[in-house]
């Protein structure tokens, strides 16, 4: 019996060096349970997309970067992924449903943790 986990969203992050892009981190967010897998793509070591390993990378890419999926980033996803466009891992046009958790966090935090009058509110 095979279990199929339906992922409706993905958390996206990156590790960059001033001179080059290093790694994309993808965290599948299943709709019914805690995330259990983090996918790390070291872009400097990607196989050519025409190789057999490259075909597997393309299958993974096609499964993740679909227009109906939601992508969650800490900050603007365009800024997060811009340096990785050269590797042809995704199309920015496929990132339709995007959430900037950094932008959503402040109102949530201020509402959940009311401040005393002498304590400034995060803006």
PDB file of N, CA and C in Angstrom:
ATOM      1  N   UNK A   1       0.852  -1.181   0.000  1.00  0.00           N
ATOM      2  CA  UNK A   1       0.000   0.000   0.000  1.00  0.00           C
ATOM      3  C   UNK A   1       0.893   1.238   0.000  1.00  0.00           C
ATOM      4  N   UNK A   2       0.630   2.144  -0.903  1.00  0.00           N
ATOM      5  CA  UNK A   2       1.443   3.350  -1.037  1.00  0.00           C
ATOM      6  C   UNK A   2       0.677   4.548  -0.489  1.00  0.00           C
ATOM      7  N   UNK A   3       1.338   5.328   0.367  1.00  0.00           N
ATOM      8  CA  UNK A   3       0.733   6.546   0.893  1.00  0.00           C
ATOM      9  C   UNK A   3       1.131   7.710   0.011  1.00  0.00           C
ATOM     10  N   UNK A   4       0.168   8.457  -0.459  1.00  0.00           N
ATOM     11  CA  UNK A   4       0.438   9.644  -1.252  1.00  0.00           C
ATOM     12  C   UNK A   4       0.167  10.868  -0.404  1.00  0.00           C
ATOM     13  N   UNK A   5       1.194  11.648  -0.153  1.00  0.00           N
ATOM     14  CA  UNK A   5       1.044  12.879   0.615  1.00  0.00           C
ATOM     15  C   UNK A   5       0.779  14.009  -0.370  1.00  0.00           C
ATOM     16  N   UNK A   6      -0.293  14.724  -0.134  1.00  0.00           N
ATOM     17  CA  UNK A   6      -0.642  15.840  -1.000  1.00  0.00           C
ATOM     18  C   UNK A   6      -0.084  17.112  -0.384  1.00  0.00           C
ATOM     19  N   UNK A   7       0.859  17.714  -1.061  1.00  0.00           N
ATOM     20  CA  UNK A   7       1.438  18.968  -0.583  1.00  0.00           C
ATOM     21  C   UNK A   7       0.777  20.121  -1.313  1.00  0.00           C
ATOM     22  N   UNK A   8       0.173  20.996  -0.550  1.00  0.00           N
ATOM     23  CA  UNK A   8      -0.494  22.150  -1.134  1.00  0.00           C
ATOM     24  C   UNK A   8       0.371  23.398  -1.052  1.00  0.00           C
ATOM     25  N   UNK A   9       1.428  23.324  -0.290  1.00  0.00           N
ATOM     26  CA  UNK A   9       2.282  24.492  -0.148  1.00  0.00           C
ATOM     27  C   UNK A   9       3.714  24.097   0.114  1.00  0.00           C
ATOM     28  N   UNK A  10       4.607  25.053  -0.127  1.00  0.00           N
ATOM     29  CA  UNK A  10       6.027  24.825   0.073  1.00  0.00           C
ATOM     30  C   UNK A  10       6.654  26.066   0.680  1.00  0.00           C
ATOM     31  N   UNK A  11       7.455  25.866   1.718  1.00  0.00           N
ATOM     32  CA  UNK A  11       8.253  26.953   2.257  1.00  0.00           C
ATOM     33  C   UNK A  11       9.530  27.043   1.441  1.00  0.00           C
ATOM     34  N   UNK A  12       9.911  28.242   1.049  1.00  0.00           N
ATOM     35  CA  UNK A  12      11.081  28.443   0.200  1.00  0.00           C
ATOM     36  C   UNK A  12      12.082  29.336   0.924  1.00  0.00           C
ATOM     37  N   UNK A  13      13.335  28.941   0.906  1.00  0.00           N
ATOM     38  CA  UNK A  13      14.401  29.757   1.459  1.00  0.00           C
ATOM     39  C   UNK A  13      15.647  29.567   0.621  1.00  0.00           C
ATOM     40  N   UNK A  14      16.659  30.372   0.856  1.00  0.00           N
ATOM     41  CA  UNK A  14      17.888  30.230   0.083  1.00  0.00           C
ATOM     42  C   UNK A  14      19.086  30.600   0.928  1.00  0.00           C
ATOM     43  N   UNK A  15      20.228  30.089   0.502  1.00  0.00           N
ATOM     44  CA  UNK A  15      21.507  30.438   1.104  1.00  0.00           C
ATOM     45  C   UNK A  15      22.342  31.013  -0.027  1.00  0.00           C
ATOM     46  N   UNK A  16      22.774  32.238   0.129  1.00  0.00           N
ATOM     47  CA  UNK A  16      23.547  32.906  -0.910  1.00  0.00           C
ATOM     48  C   UNK A  16      24.875  33.372  -0.356  1.00  0.00           C
ATOM     49  N   UNK A  17      25.837  33.399  -1.211  1.00  0.00           N
ATOM     50  CA  UNK A  17      27.152  33.956  -0.952  1.00  0.00           C
ATOM     51  C   UNK A  17      27.195  35.243  -1.763  1.00  0.00           C
ATOM     52  N   UNK A  18      27.911  36.273  -1.328  1.00  0.00           N
ATOM     53  CA  UNK A  18      27.921  37.511  -2.115  1.00  0.00           C
ATOM     54  C   UNK A  18      28.274  37.301  -3.591  1.00  0.00           C
ATOM     55  N   UNK A  19      29.117  36.320  -3.880  1.00  0.00           N
ATOM     56  CA  UNK A  19      29.555  36.122  -5.261  1.00  0.00           C
ATOM     57  C   UNK A  19      28.698  35.135  -6.043  1.00  0.00           C
ATOM     58  N   UNK A  20      27.953  34.256  -5.345  1.00  0.00           N
ATOM     59  CA  UNK A  20      27.187  33.247  -6.077  1.00  0.00           C
ATOM     60  C   UNK A  20      26.042  32.703  -5.241  1.00  0.00           C
ATOM     61  N   UNK A  21      25.092  32.084  -5.922  1.00  0.00           N
ATOM     62  CA  UNK A  21      23.984  31.409  -5.266  1.00  0.00           C
ATOM     63  C   UNK A  21      24.452  30.020  -4.860  1.00  0.00           C
ATOM     64  N   UNK A  22      24.057  29.580  -3.683  1.00  0.00           N
ATOM     65  CA  UNK A  22      24.550  28.302  -3.198  1.00  0.00           C
ATOM     66  C   UNK A  22      23.487  27.220  -3.102  1.00  0.00           C
ATOM     67  N   UNK A  23      22.354  27.515  -2.460  1.00  0.00           N
ATOM     68  CA  UNK A  23      21.420  26.448  -2.153  1.00  0.00           C
ATOM     69  C   UNK A  23      19.998  26.986  -2.030  1.00  0.00           C
ATOM     70  N   UNK A  24      19.034  26.187  -2.498  1.00  0.00           N
ATOM     71  CA  UNK A  24      17.616  26.465  -2.284  1.00  0.00           C
ATOM     72  C   UNK A  24      17.108  25.443  -1.281  1.00  0.00           C
ATOM     73  N   UNK A  25      16.364  25.894  -0.299  1.00  0.00           N
ATOM     74  CA  UNK A  25      15.747  25.013   0.688  1.00  0.00           C
ATOM     75  C   UNK A  25      14.254  24.982   0.416  1.00  0.00           C
ATOM     76  N   UNK A  26      13.686  23.789   0.282  1.00  0.00           N
ATOM     77  CA  UNK A  26      12.252  23.637   0.026  1.00  0.00           C
ATOM     78  C   UNK A  26      11.671  22.754   1.115  1.00  0.00           C
ATOM     79  N   UNK A  27      10.661  23.250   1.805  1.00  0.00           N
ATOM     80  CA  UNK A  27      10.007  22.516   2.884  1.00  0.00           C
ATOM     81  C   UNK A  27       8.578  22.223   2.467  1.00  0.00           C
ATOM     82  N   UNK A  28       8.279  20.960   2.084  1.00  0.00           N
ATOM     83  CA  UNK A  28       6.894  20.629   1.741  1.00  0.00           C
ATOM     84  C   UNK A  28       5.993  20.823   2.961  1.00  0.00           C
ATOM     85  N   UNK A  29       4.834  21.407   2.738  1.00  0.00           N
ATOM     86  CA  UNK A  29       3.875  21.641   3.814  1.00  0.00           C
ATOM     87  C   UNK A  29       2.621  20.830   3.500  1.00  0.00           C
ATOM     88  N   UNK A  30       2.573  19.561   3.972  1.00  0.00           N
ATOM     89  CA  UNK A  30       1.382  18.755   3.713  1.00  0.00           C
ATOM     90  C   UNK A  30       0.168  19.363   4.393  1.00  0.00           C
ATOM     91  N   UNK A  31      -0.986  19.143   3.812  1.00  0.00           N
ATOM     92  CA  UNK A  31      -2.203  19.760   4.330  1.00  0.00           C
ATOM     93  C   UNK A  31      -2.716  19.086   5.594  1.00  0.00           C
ATOM     94  N   UNK A  32      -2.203  17.919   5.954  1.00  0.00           N
ATOM     95  CA  UNK A  32      -2.790  17.185   7.067  1.00  0.00           C
ATOM     96  C   UNK A  32      -1.812  16.741   8.136  1.00  0.00           C
ATOM     97  N   UNK A  33      -0.534  17.041   8.024  1.00  0.00           N
ATOM     98  CA  UNK A  33       0.405  16.620   9.058  1.00  0.00           C
ATOM     99  C   UNK A  33       1.621  17.541   9.085  1.00  0.00           C
ATOM    100  N   UNK A  34       2.446  17.369  10.093  1.00  0.00           N
ATOM    101  CA  UNK A  34       3.654  18.184  10.216  1.00  0.00           C
ATOM    102  C   UNK A  34       4.623  17.865   9.091  1.00  0.00           C
ATOM    103  N   UNK A  35       5.353  18.862   8.626  1.00  0.00           N
ATOM    104  CA  UNK A  35       6.360  18.596   7.596  1.00  0.00           C
ATOM    105  C   UNK A  35       7.418  17.636   8.134  1.00  0.00           C
ATOM    106  N   UNK A  36       7.849  16.707   7.311  1.00  0.00           N
ATOM    107  CA  UNK A  36       8.851  15.748   7.747  1.00  0.00           C
ATOM    108  C   UNK A  36      10.068  15.718   6.836  1.00  0.00           C
ATOM    109  N   UNK A  37      10.057  16.474   5.754  1.00  0.00           N
ATOM    110  CA  UNK A  37      11.133  16.434   4.781  1.00  0.00           C
ATOM    111  C   UNK A  37      11.540  17.858   4.418  1.00  0.00           C
ATOM    112  N   UNK A  38      12.825  18.082   4.317  1.00  0.00           N
ATOM    113  CA  UNK A  38      13.342  19.334   3.780  1.00  0.00           C
ATOM    114  C   UNK A  38      14.179  18.963   2.575  1.00  0.00           C
ATOM    115  N   UNK A  39      13.937  19.604   1.457  1.00  0.00           N
ATOM    116  CA  UNK A  39      14.684  19.351   0.236  1.00  0.00           C
ATOM    117  C   UNK A  39      15.717  20.463   0.087  1.00  0.00           C
ATOM    118  N   UNK A  40      16.980  20.088   0.038  1.00  0.00           N
ATOM    119  CA  UNK A  40      18.058  21.046  -0.159  1.00  0.00           C
ATOM    120  C   UNK A  40      18.635  20.827  -1.547  1.00  0.00           C
ATOM    121  N   UNK A  41      18.639  21.866  -2.346  1.00  0.00           N
ATOM    122  CA  UNK A  41      19.181  21.772  -3.699  1.00  0.00           C
ATOM    123  C   UNK A  41      20.444  22.614  -3.758  1.00  0.00           C
ATOM    124  N   UNK A  42      21.579  21.958  -3.840  1.00  0.00           N
ATOM    125  CA  UNK A  42      22.853  22.668  -3.986  1.00  0.00           C
ATOM    126  C   UNK A  42      23.048  22.941  -5.467  1.00  0.00           C
ATOM    127  N   UNK A  43      22.754  24.139  -5.861  1.00  0.00           N
ATOM    128  CA  UNK A  43      22.685  24.462  -7.285  1.00  0.00           C
ATOM    129  C   UNK A  43      24.036  24.393  -7.989  1.00  0.00           C
ATOM    130  N   UNK A  44      25.122  24.546  -7.266  1.00  0.00           N
ATOM    131  CA  UNK A  44      26.434  24.465  -7.899  1.00  0.00           C
ATOM    132  C   UNK A  44      26.766  23.034  -8.331  1.00  0.00           C
ATOM    133  N   UNK A  45      26.028  22.055  -7.820  1.00  0.00           N
ATOM    134  CA  UNK A  45      26.299  20.647  -8.120  1.00  0.00           C
ATOM    135  C   UNK A  45      25.180  19.997  -8.912  1.00  0.00           C
ATOM    136  N   UNK A  46      24.315  20.774  -9.518  1.00  0.00           N
ATOM    137  CA  UNK A  46      23.222  20.207 -10.307  1.00  0.00           C
ATOM    138  C   UNK A  46      23.761  19.499 -11.550  1.00  0.00           C
ATOM    139  N   UNK A  47      23.180  18.336 -11.876  1.00  0.00           N
ATOM    140  CA  UNK A  47      23.576  17.677 -13.123  1.00  0.00           C
ATOM    141  C   UNK A  47      22.963  18.416 -14.307  1.00  0.00           C
ATOM    142  N   UNK A  48      23.487  18.176 -15.489  1.00  0.00           N
ATOM    143  CA  UNK A  48      22.855  18.764 -16.666  1.00  0.00           C
ATOM    144  C   UNK A  48      21.458  18.168 -16.790  1.00  0.00           C
ATOM    145  N   UNK A  49      20.507  18.979 -17.216  1.00  0.00           N
ATOM    146  CA  UNK A  49      19.125  18.514 -17.282  1.00  0.00           C
ATOM    147  C   UNK A  49      18.923  17.422 -18.324  1.00  0.00           C
ATOM    148  N   UNK A  50      19.865  17.237 -19.226  1.00  0.00           N
ATOM    149  CA  UNK A  50      19.734  16.174 -20.231  1.00  0.00           C
ATOM    150  C   UNK A  50      20.241  14.826 -19.723  1.00  0.00           C
ATOM    151  N   UNK A  51      20.951  14.791 -18.577  1.00  0.00           N
ATOM    152  CA  UNK A  51      21.444  13.522 -18.019  1.00  0.00           C
ATOM    153  C   UNK A  51      20.317  12.782 -17.311  1.00  0.00           C
ATOM    154  N   UNK A  52      20.551  11.514 -16.962  1.00  0.00           N
ATOM    155  CA  UNK A  52      19.506  10.738 -16.270  1.00  0.00           C
ATOM    156  C   UNK A  52      19.200  11.342 -14.902  1.00  0.00           C
ATOM    157  N   UNK A  53      20.217  11.816 -14.190  1.00  0.00           N
ATOM    158  CA  UNK A  53      19.969  12.482 -12.905  1.00  0.00           C
ATOM    159  C   UNK A  53      19.271  13.819 -13.121  1.00  0.00           C
ATOM    160  N   UNK A  54      19.627  14.488 -14.193  1.00  0.00           N
ATOM    161  CA  UNK A  54      18.972  15.749 -14.527  1.00  0.00           C
ATOM    162  C   UNK A  54      17.492  15.561 -14.802  1.00  0.00           C
ATOM    163  N   UNK A  55      17.131  14.433 -15.409  1.00  0.00           N
ATOM    164  CA  UNK A  55      15.719  14.137 -15.661  1.00  0.00           C
ATOM    165  C   UNK A  55      14.959  13.963 -14.345  1.00  0.00           C
ATOM    166  N   UNK A  56      15.605  13.376 -13.350  1.00  0.00           N
ATOM    167  CA  UNK A  56      14.976  13.232 -12.027  1.00  0.00           C
ATOM    168  C   UNK A  56      14.794  14.595 -11.366  1.00  0.00           C
ATOM    169  N   UNK A  57      15.768  15.473 -11.524  1.00  0.00           N
ATOM    170  CA  UNK A  57      15.652  16.841 -10.996  1.00  0.00           C
ATOM    171  C   UNK A  57      14.487  17.551 -11.673  1.00  0.00           C
ATOM    172  N   UNK A  58      14.339  17.370 -12.989  1.00  0.00           N
ATOM    173  CA  UNK A  58      13.219  17.985 -13.716  1.00  0.00           C
ATOM    174  C   UNK A  58      11.879  17.459 -13.212  1.00  0.00           C
ATOM    175  N   UNK A  59      11.792  16.146 -12.934  1.00  0.00           N
ATOM    176  CA  UNK A  59      10.547  15.587 -12.411  1.00  0.00           C
ATOM    177  C   UNK A  59      10.211  16.188 -11.054  1.00  0.00           C
ATOM    178  N   UNK A  60      11.210  16.322 -10.200  1.00  0.00           N
ATOM    179  CA  UNK A  60      10.998  16.933  -8.888  1.00  0.00           C
ATOM    180  C   UNK A  60      10.568  18.379  -9.048  1.00  0.00           C
ATOM    181  N   UNK A  61      11.253  19.106  -9.910  1.00  0.00           N
ATOM    182  CA  UNK A  61      10.914  20.508 -10.183  1.00  0.00           C
ATOM    183  C   UNK A  61       9.473  20.634 -10.660  1.00  0.00           C
ATOM    184  N   UNK A  62       9.084  19.793 -11.610  1.00  0.00           N
ATOM    185  CA  UNK A  62       7.731  19.862 -12.155  1.00  0.00           C
ATOM    186  C   UNK A  62       6.668  19.516 -11.118  1.00  0.00           C
ATOM    187  N   UNK A  63       7.004  18.615 -10.191  1.00  0.00           N
ATOM    188  CA  UNK A  63       6.051  18.254  -9.136  1.00  0.00           C
ATOM    189  C   UNK A  63       5.873  19.386  -8.130  1.00  0.00           C
ATOM    190  N   UNK A  64       6.941  20.123  -7.862  1.00  0.00           N
ATOM    191  CA  UNK A  64       6.886  21.185  -6.842  1.00  0.00           C
ATOM    192  C   UNK A  64       6.390  22.505  -7.409  1.00  0.00           C
ATOM    193  N   UNK A  65       7.001  22.974  -8.484  1.00  0.00           N
ATOM    194  CA  UNK A  65       6.720  24.321  -8.981  1.00  0.00           C
ATOM    195  C   UNK A  65       5.527  24.321  -9.935  1.00  0.00           C
ATOM    196  N   UNK A  66       4.338  24.075  -9.369  1.00  0.00           N
ATOM    197  CA  UNK A  66       3.096  24.094 -10.126  1.00  0.00           C
ATOM    198  C   UNK A  66       2.298  25.330  -9.732  1.00  0.00           C
ATOM    199  N   UNK A  67       1.533  25.853 -10.674  1.00  0.00           N
ATOM    200  CA  UNK A  67       0.798  27.100 -10.432  1.00  0.00           C
ATOM    201  C   UNK A  67      -0.218  26.997  -9.306  1.00  0.00           C
ATOM    202  N   UNK A  68      -0.778  25.817  -9.067  1.00  0.00           N
ATOM    203  CA  UNK A  68      -1.802  25.718  -8.022  1.00  0.00           C
ATOM    204  C   UNK A  68      -1.209  25.594  -6.620  1.00  0.00           C
ATOM    205  N   UNK A  69       0.102  25.453  -6.485  1.00  0.00           N
ATOM    206  CA  UNK A  69       0.729  25.336  -5.175  1.00  0.00           C
ATOM    207  C   UNK A  69       0.977  26.715  -4.563  1.00  0.00           C
ATOM    208  N   UNK A  70       0.949  26.737  -3.241  1.00  0.00           N
ATOM    209  CA  UNK A  70       1.260  27.957  -2.510  1.00  0.00           C
ATOM    210  C   UNK A  70       2.726  27.913  -2.095  1.00  0.00           C
ATOM    211  N   UNK A  71       3.404  29.064  -2.202  1.00  0.00           N
ATOM    212  CA  UNK A  71       4.802  29.162  -1.819  1.00  0.00           C
ATOM    213  C   UNK A  71       4.933  30.203  -0.716  1.00  0.00           C
ATOM    214  N   UNK A  72       5.629  29.827   0.341  1.00  0.00           N
ATOM    215  CA  UNK A  72       5.746  30.658   1.531  1.00  0.00           C
ATOM    216  C   UNK A  72       7.217  31.012   1.715  1.00  0.00           C
ATOM    217  N   UNK A  73       7.513  32.282   1.890  1.00  0.00           N
ATOM    218  CA  UNK A  73       8.900  32.720   2.085  1.00  0.00           C
ATOM    219  C   UNK A  73       8.965  33.727   3.224  1.00  0.00           C
ATOM    220  N   UNK A  74      10.135  33.879   3.804  1.00  0.00           N
ATOM    221  CA  UNK A  74      10.373  34.906   4.814  1.00  0.00           C
ATOM    222  C   UNK A  74      10.966  36.096   4.069  1.00  0.00           C
ATOM    223  N   UNK A  75      10.106  36.949   3.586  1.00  0.00           N
ATOM    224  CA  UNK A  75      10.505  38.068   2.739  1.00  0.00           C
ATOM    225  C   UNK A  75       9.867  37.900   1.362  1.00  0.00           C
ATOM    226  N   UNK A  76      10.325  38.715   0.418  1.00  0.00           N
ATOM    227  CA  UNK A  76       9.772  38.668  -0.933  1.00  0.00           C
ATOM    228  C   UNK A  76      10.383  37.502  -1.696  1.00  0.00           C
ATOM    229  N   UNK A  77       9.543  36.627  -2.230  1.00  0.00           N
ATOM    230  CA  UNK A  77      10.034  35.426  -2.906  1.00  0.00           C
ATOM    231  C   UNK A  77      10.844  35.773  -4.151  1.00  0.00           C
ATOM    232  N   UNK A  78      10.504  36.878  -4.818  1.00  0.00           N
ATOM    233  CA  UNK A  78      11.285  37.293  -5.990  1.00  0.00           C
ATOM    234  C   UNK A  78      12.736  37.558  -5.593  1.00  0.00           C
ATOM    235  N   UNK A  79      12.928  38.239  -4.467  1.00  0.00           N
ATOM    236  CA  UNK A  79      14.282  38.517  -3.980  1.00  0.00           C
ATOM    237  C   UNK A  79      14.988  37.223  -3.574  1.00  0.00           C
ATOM    238  N   UNK A  80      14.225  36.317  -2.963  1.00  0.00           N
ATOM    239  CA  UNK A  80      14.774  35.053  -2.473  1.00  0.00           C
ATOM    240  C   UNK A  80      15.279  34.172  -3.615  1.00  0.00           C
ATOM    241  N   UNK A  81      14.559  34.175  -4.726  1.00  0.00           N
ATOM    242  CA  UNK A  81      14.865  33.241  -5.814  1.00  0.00           C
ATOM    243  C   UNK A  81      15.539  33.859  -7.037  1.00  0.00           C
ATOM    244  N   UNK A  82      15.675  35.168  -7.082  1.00  0.00           N
ATOM    245  CA  UNK A  82      16.206  35.829  -8.279  1.00  0.00           C
ATOM    246  C   UNK A  82      17.555  35.255  -8.734  1.00  0.00           C
ATOM    247  N   UNK A  83      18.470  35.028  -7.813  1.00  0.00           N
ATOM    248  CA  UNK A  83      19.803  34.548  -8.180  1.00  0.00           C
ATOM    249  C   UNK A  83      19.794  33.112  -8.709  1.00  0.00           C
ATOM    250  N   UNK A  84      18.670  32.405  -8.534  1.00  0.00           N
ATOM    251  CA  UNK A  84      18.600  31.004  -8.949  1.00  0.00           C
ATOM    252  C   UNK A  84      17.941  30.825 -10.311  1.00  0.00           C
ATOM    253  N   UNK A  85      17.441  31.895 -10.891  1.00  0.00           N
ATOM    254  CA  UNK A  85      16.756  31.790 -12.188  1.00  0.00           C
ATOM    255  C   UNK A  85      17.663  31.205 -13.261  1.00  0.00           C
ATOM    256  N   UNK A  86      18.936  31.482 -13.189  1.00  0.00           N
ATOM    257  CA  UNK A  86      19.880  31.008 -14.200  1.00  0.00           C
ATOM    258  C   UNK A  86      19.971  29.491 -14.285  1.00  0.00           C
ATOM    259  N   UNK A  87      19.515  28.773 -13.251  1.00  0.00           N
ATOM    260  CA  UNK A  87      19.621  27.322 -13.228  1.00  0.00           C
ATOM    261  C   UNK A  87      18.395  26.627 -13.833  1.00  0.00           C
ATOM    262  N   UNK A  88      17.405  27.402 -14.256  1.00  0.00           N
ATOM    263  CA  UNK A  88      16.196  26.865 -14.898  1.00  0.00           C
ATOM    264  C   UNK A  88      15.474  25.820 -14.049  1.00  0.00           C
ATOM    265  N   UNK A  89      15.425  26.049 -12.749  1.00  0.00           N
ATOM    266  CA  UNK A  89      14.719  25.131 -11.865  1.00  0.00           C
ATOM    267  C   UNK A  89      13.232  25.449 -11.759  1.00  0.00           C
ATOM    268  N   UNK A  90      12.845  26.629 -12.127  1.00  0.00           N
ATOM    269  CA  UNK A  90      11.454  27.051 -11.979  1.00  0.00           C
ATOM    270  C   UNK A  90      11.201  28.228 -12.901  1.00  0.00           C
ATOM    271  N   UNK A  91       9.924  28.507 -13.096  1.00  0.00           N
ATOM    272  CA  UNK A  91       9.507  29.708 -13.814  1.00  0.00           C
ATOM    273  C   UNK A  91       8.822  30.605 -12.794  1.00  0.00           C
ATOM    274  N   UNK A  92       9.215  31.856 -12.742  1.00  0.00           N
ATOM    275  CA  UNK A  92       8.585  32.778 -11.796  1.00  0.00           C
ATOM    276  C   UNK A  92       7.085  32.879 -12.061  1.00  0.00           C
ATOM    277  N   UNK A  93       6.670  32.665 -13.311  1.00  0.00           N
ATOM    278  CA  UNK A  93       5.242  32.740 -13.641  1.00  0.00           C
ATOM    279  C   UNK A  93       4.453  31.611 -12.989  1.00  0.00           C
ATOM    280  N   UNK A  94       5.127  30.531 -12.552  1.00  0.00           N
ATOM    281  CA  UNK A  94       4.438  29.448 -11.853  1.00  0.00           C
ATOM    282  C   UNK A  94       4.212  29.757 -10.376  1.00  0.00           C
ATOM    283  N   UNK A  95       4.837  30.815  -9.875  1.00  0.00           N
ATOM    284  CA  UNK A  95       4.683  31.185  -8.470  1.00  0.00           C
ATOM    285  C   UNK A  95       3.516  32.163  -8.349  1.00  0.00           C
ATOM    286  N   UNK A  96       2.317  31.607  -8.421  1.00  0.00           N
ATOM    287  CA  UNK A  96       1.093  32.416  -8.428  1.00  0.00           C
ATOM    288  C   UNK A  96       0.634  32.713  -7.005  1.00  0.00           C
ATOM    289  N   UNK A  97       0.573  31.706  -6.170  1.00  0.00           N
ATOM    290  CA  UNK A  97       0.111  31.862  -4.789  1.00  0.00           C
ATOM    291  C   UNK A  97       1.332  31.958  -3.884  1.00  0.00           C
ATOM    292  N   UNK A  98       1.644  33.183  -3.466  1.00  0.00           N
ATOM    293  CA  UNK A  98       2.851  33.450  -2.696  1.00  0.00           C
ATOM    294  C   UNK A  98       2.480  34.179  -1.413  1.00  0.00           C
ATOM    295  N   UNK A  99       3.098  33.749  -0.302  1.00  0.00           N
ATOM    296  CA  UNK A  99       2.898  34.427   0.981  1.00  0.00           C
ATOM    297  C   UNK A  99       4.247  34.891   1.516  1.00  0.00           C
ATOM    298  N   UNK A 100       4.273  36.122   1.981  1.00  0.00           N
ATOM    299  CA  UNK A 100       5.450  36.694   2.623  1.00  0.00           C
ATOM    300  C   UNK A 100       5.199  36.639   4.127  1.00  0.00           C
ATOM    301  N   UNK A 101       5.741  35.633   4.784  1.00  0.00           N
ATOM    302  CA  UNK A 101       5.474  35.446   6.208  1.00  0.00           C
ATOM    303  C   UNK A 101       6.067  36.552   7.066  1.00  0.00           C
ATOM    304  N   UNK A 102       7.136  37.175   6.594  1.00  0.00           N
ATOM    305  CA  UNK A 102       7.717  38.286   7.341  1.00  0.00           C
ATOM    306  C   UNK A 102       6.709  39.430   7.428  1.00  0.00           C
ATOM    307  N   UNK A 103       6.023  39.691   6.333  1.00  0.00           N
ATOM    308  CA  UNK A 103       5.021  40.761   6.291  1.00  0.00           C
ATOM    309  C   UNK A 103       3.813  40.416   7.163  1.00  0.00           C
ATOM    310  N   UNK A 104       3.442  39.134   7.194  1.00  0.00           N
ATOM    311  CA  UNK A 104       2.283  38.698   7.990  1.00  0.00           C
ATOM    312  C   UNK A 104       2.596  38.577   9.474  1.00  0.00           C
ATOM    313  N   UNK A 105       3.878  38.430   9.822  1.00  0.00           N
ATOM    314  CA  UNK A 105       4.240  38.150  11.206  1.00  0.00           C
ATOM    315  C   UNK A 105       3.983  39.324  12.149  1.00  0.00           C
ATOM    316  N   UNK A 106       4.329  40.527  11.726  1.00  0.00           N
ATOM    317  CA  UNK A 106       4.201  41.674  12.631  1.00  0.00           C
ATOM    318  C   UNK A 106       2.776  41.903  13.115  1.00  0.00           C
ATOM    319  N   UNK A 107       1.779  41.973  12.232  1.00  0.00           N
ATOM    320  CA  UNK A 107       0.413  42.148  12.732  1.00  0.00           C
ATOM    321  C   UNK A 107      -0.024  40.997  13.653  1.00  0.00           C
ATOM    322  N   UNK A 108       0.365  39.770  13.286  1.00  0.00           N
ATOM    323  CA  UNK A 108       0.042  38.613  14.130  1.00  0.00           C
ATOM    324  C   UNK A 108       0.677  38.766  15.509  1.00  0.00           C
ATOM    325  N   UNK A 109       1.960  39.106  15.531  1.00  0.00           N
ATOM    326  CA  UNK A 109       2.674  39.233  16.791  1.00  0.00           C
ATOM    327  C   UNK A 109       2.073  40.333  17.661  1.00  0.00           C
ATOM    328  N   UNK A 110       1.824  41.495  17.073  1.00  0.00           N
ATOM    329  CA  UNK A 110       1.275  42.623  17.836  1.00  0.00           C
ATOM    330  C   UNK A 110      -0.121  42.317  18.356  1.00  0.00           C
ATOM    331  N   UNK A 111      -0.916  41.577  17.588  1.00  0.00           N
ATOM    332  CA  UNK A 111      -2.259  41.209  18.027  1.00  0.00           C
ATOM    333  C   UNK A 111      -2.202  40.138  19.127  1.00  0.00           C
ATOM    334  N   UNK A 112      -1.318  39.164  18.969  1.00  0.00           N
ATOM    335  CA  UNK A 112      -1.219  38.047  19.910  1.00  0.00           C
ATOM    336  C   UNK A 112      -0.536  38.452  21.208  1.00  0.00           C
ATOM    337  N   UNK A 113       0.390  39.385  21.122  1.00  0.00           N
ATOM    338  CA  UNK A 113       1.156  39.814  22.293  1.00  0.00           C
ATOM    339  C   UNK A 113       0.987  41.324  22.477  1.00  0.00           C
ATOM    340  N   UNK A 114      -0.140  41.742  23.075  1.00  0.00           N
ATOM    341  CA  UNK A 114      -0.364  43.190  23.264  1.00  0.00           C
ATOM    342  C   UNK A 114       0.768  43.809  24.097  1.00  0.00           C
ATOM    343  N   UNK A 115       1.052  45.047  23.777  1.00  0.00           N
ATOM    344  CA  UNK A 115       2.155  45.739  24.421  1.00  0.00           C
ATOM    345  C   UNK A 115       1.640  46.727  25.469  1.00  0.00           C
ATOM    346  N   UNK A 116       2.475  46.954  26.463  1.00  0.00           N
ATOM    347  CA  UNK A 116       2.189  47.970  27.460  1.00  0.00           C
ATOM    348  C   UNK A 116       2.341  49.341  26.804  1.00  0.00           C
ATOM    349  N   UNK A 117       1.649  50.362  27.299  1.00  0.00           N
ATOM    350  CA  UNK A 117       1.713  51.688  26.679  1.00  0.00           C
ATOM    351  C   UNK A 117       3.135  52.239  26.540  1.00  0.00           C
ATOM    352  N   UNK A 118       4.038  51.860  27.444  1.00  0.00           N
ATOM    353  CA  UNK A 118       5.407  52.386  27.379  1.00  0.00           C
ATOM    354  C   UNK A 118       6.329  51.532  26.505  1.00  0.00           C
ATOM    355  N   UNK A 119       5.781  50.479  25.888  1.00  0.00           N
ATOM    356  CA  UNK A 119       6.564  49.578  25.036  1.00  0.00           C
ATOM    357  C   UNK A 119       6.158  49.809  23.576  1.00  0.00           C
ATOM    358  N   UNK A 120       7.124  50.134  22.706  1.00  0.00           N
ATOM    359  CA  UNK A 120       6.765  50.394  21.308  1.00  0.00           C
ATOM    360  C   UNK A 120       6.286  49.125  20.588  1.00  0.00           C
ATOM    361  N   UNK A 121       5.366  49.314  19.677  1.00  0.00           N
ATOM    362  CA  UNK A 121       4.825  48.216  18.889  1.00  0.00           C
ATOM    363  C   UNK A 121       5.736  47.996  17.693  1.00  0.00           C
ATOM    364  N   UNK A 122       5.935  46.723  17.307  1.00  0.00           N
ATOM    365  CA  UNK A 122       6.707  46.424  16.102  1.00  0.00           C
ATOM    366  C   UNK A 122       5.972  46.968  14.891  1.00  0.00           C
ATOM    367  N   UNK A 123       6.682  47.654  14.019  1.00  0.00           N
ATOM    368  CA  UNK A 123       6.062  48.180  12.805  1.00  0.00           C
ATOM    369  C   UNK A 123       6.763  47.667  11.587  1.00  0.00           C
TER     370      UNK A 123
END
